């Protein structure tokens, strides 16, 4: 069952291709886990950006414990990892907690 946290879509191994890799435009995916402290710090930032860039960016979260195949495919070794996709292609990664301005700056680069 998929949950939607505000404007942030929960994706899984089964839905990742359809929700992220098969869309046009920019997608930002937060790779996280429930036990990860820094992930809990970055979550409100991701949700804020989803709200501020609604209609411009698709924002999703992937639980690395529940969707290990996708995490392995993108070589996720540290979380949180925020991956950016443009027209379905992985173009950038931010690893660890970063302030909102840093994440937003990276996001803007891919919208241009």
Protein backbone atom coordinates (compact mmCIF):
# COMPACT_ATOMS: atom_id res chain seq x y z
CA UNK A 1 0.00 0.00 0.00
CA UNK A 2 1.40 3.40 -0.95
CA UNK A 3 1.21 6.33 1.43
CA UNK A 4 1.42 9.94 0.42
CA UNK A 5 3.02 12.24 2.99
CA UNK A 6 1.74 15.60 1.87
CA UNK A 7 3.19 15.99 -1.61
CA UNK A 8 5.92 13.38 -1.08
CA UNK A 9 5.18 10.04 -2.73
CA UNK A 10 6.33 6.81 -1.07
CA UNK A 11 7.96 4.61 -3.74
CA UNK A 12 9.13 0.98 -3.57
CA UNK A 13 11.15 -1.49 -5.64
CA UNK A 14 7.93 -2.24 -7.51
CA UNK A 15 6.92 1.37 -8.25
CA UNK A 16 10.31 3.09 -8.64
CA UNK A 17 10.64 2.73 -12.42
CA UNK A 18 7.10 3.96 -13.09
CA UNK A 19 7.16 6.80 -10.54
CA UNK A 20 10.72 8.08 -11.07
CA UNK A 21 12.49 6.66 -14.12
CA UNK A 22 9.59 6.91 -16.56
CA UNK A 23 8.62 10.53 -15.90
CA UNK A 24 9.66 13.62 -17.78
CA UNK A 25 11.27 16.43 -15.83
CA UNK A 26 13.02 16.49 -12.48
CA UNK A 27 12.49 14.04 -9.64
CA UNK A 28 14.11 14.13 -6.20
CA UNK A 29 14.16 10.88 -4.21
CA UNK A 30 15.00 10.66 -0.51
CA UNK A 31 16.53 7.26 0.32
CA UNK A 32 15.91 6.80 4.07
CA UNK A 33 15.14 4.37 6.91
CA UNK A 34 12.99 4.69 10.03
CA UNK A 35 15.96 4.06 12.38
CA UNK A 36 18.14 6.78 10.80
CA UNK A 37 18.42 9.98 12.89
CA UNK A 38 19.74 12.26 10.11
CA UNK A 39 16.93 10.96 7.87
CA UNK A 40 14.39 12.33 10.35
CA UNK A 41 16.16 15.70 10.22
CA UNK A 42 16.14 15.91 6.42
CA UNK A 43 12.51 14.70 6.03
CA UNK A 44 10.86 18.09 6.83
CA UNK A 45 13.26 19.80 4.40
CA UNK A 46 12.28 17.36 1.64
CA UNK A 47 8.60 17.96 2.43
CA UNK A 48 9.10 21.77 2.36
CA UNK A 49 10.80 21.56 -1.04
CA UNK A 50 7.99 19.32 -2.34
CA UNK A 51 5.52 22.02 -1.38
CA UNK A 52 7.57 24.92 -2.72
CA UNK A 53 8.28 23.21 -6.05
CA UNK A 54 4.90 21.55 -6.53
CA UNK A 55 4.23 21.12 -10.23
CA UNK A 56 7.94 21.54 -11.09
CA UNK A 57 9.54 18.60 -9.28
CA UNK A 58 8.31 15.16 -8.33
CA UNK A 59 9.43 14.35 -4.79
CA UNK A 60 9.54 10.79 -3.48
CA UNK A 61 10.87 8.77 -0.55
CA UNK A 62 12.21 5.22 -0.67
CA UNK A 63 12.65 3.17 2.51
CA UNK A 64 15.97 1.36 1.98
CA UNK A 65 15.00 -1.46 4.37
CA UNK A 66 11.75 -2.17 2.53
CA UNK A 67 13.17 -1.65 -1.00
CA UNK A 68 16.69 -3.03 -0.89
CA UNK A 69 16.90 -3.87 -4.62
CA UNK A 70 16.56 -0.22 -5.65
CA UNK A 71 18.94 0.98 -2.92
CA UNK A 72 21.51 -1.59 -4.09
CA UNK A 73 21.01 -0.61 -7.74
CA UNK A 74 21.93 3.00 -6.97
CA UNK A 75 24.80 1.97 -4.67
CA UNK A 76 23.28 3.58 -1.58
CA UNK A 77 25.79 3.07 1.22
CA UNK A 78 24.90 6.00 3.49
CA UNK A 79 21.54 7.49 4.31
CA UNK A 80 19.97 9.86 3.92
CA UNK A 81 20.90 9.99 0.26
CA UNK A 82 18.95 12.36 -1.96
CA UNK A 83 19.11 11.36 -5.61
CA UNK A 84 18.12 13.68 -8.44
CA UNK A 85 16.74 12.38 -11.72
CA UNK A 86 16.15 14.32 -14.92
CA UNK A 87 13.91 12.69 -17.53
CA UNK A 88 14.41 9.37 -15.74
CA UNK A 89 18.18 9.52 -15.62
CA UNK A 90 20.13 9.71 -12.34
CA UNK A 91 22.06 12.99 -12.56
CA UNK A 92 23.13 13.89 -9.01
CA UNK A 93 23.37 12.70 -5.41
CA UNK A 94 23.57 14.46 -2.05
CA UNK A 95 24.65 12.23 0.84
CA UNK A 96 23.90 12.95 4.48
CA UNK A 97 22.07 15.77 6.18
CA UNK A 98 22.48 19.14 4.48
CA UNK A 99 20.74 22.44 5.21
CA UNK A 100 17.69 23.34 3.15
CA UNK A 101 19.53 26.04 1.15
CA UNK A 102 22.13 23.51 -0.04
CA UNK A 103 19.48 21.02 -1.16
CA UNK A 104 17.42 23.74 -2.82
CA UNK A 105 20.48 25.06 -4.68
CA UNK A 106 21.17 21.58 -6.05
CA UNK A 107 17.52 21.20 -7.05
CA UNK A 108 17.52 24.54 -8.90
CA UNK A 109 20.57 23.46 -10.92
CA UNK A 110 18.54 20.63 -12.43
CA UNK A 111 15.48 22.75 -13.15
CA UNK A 112 17.43 25.11 -15.42
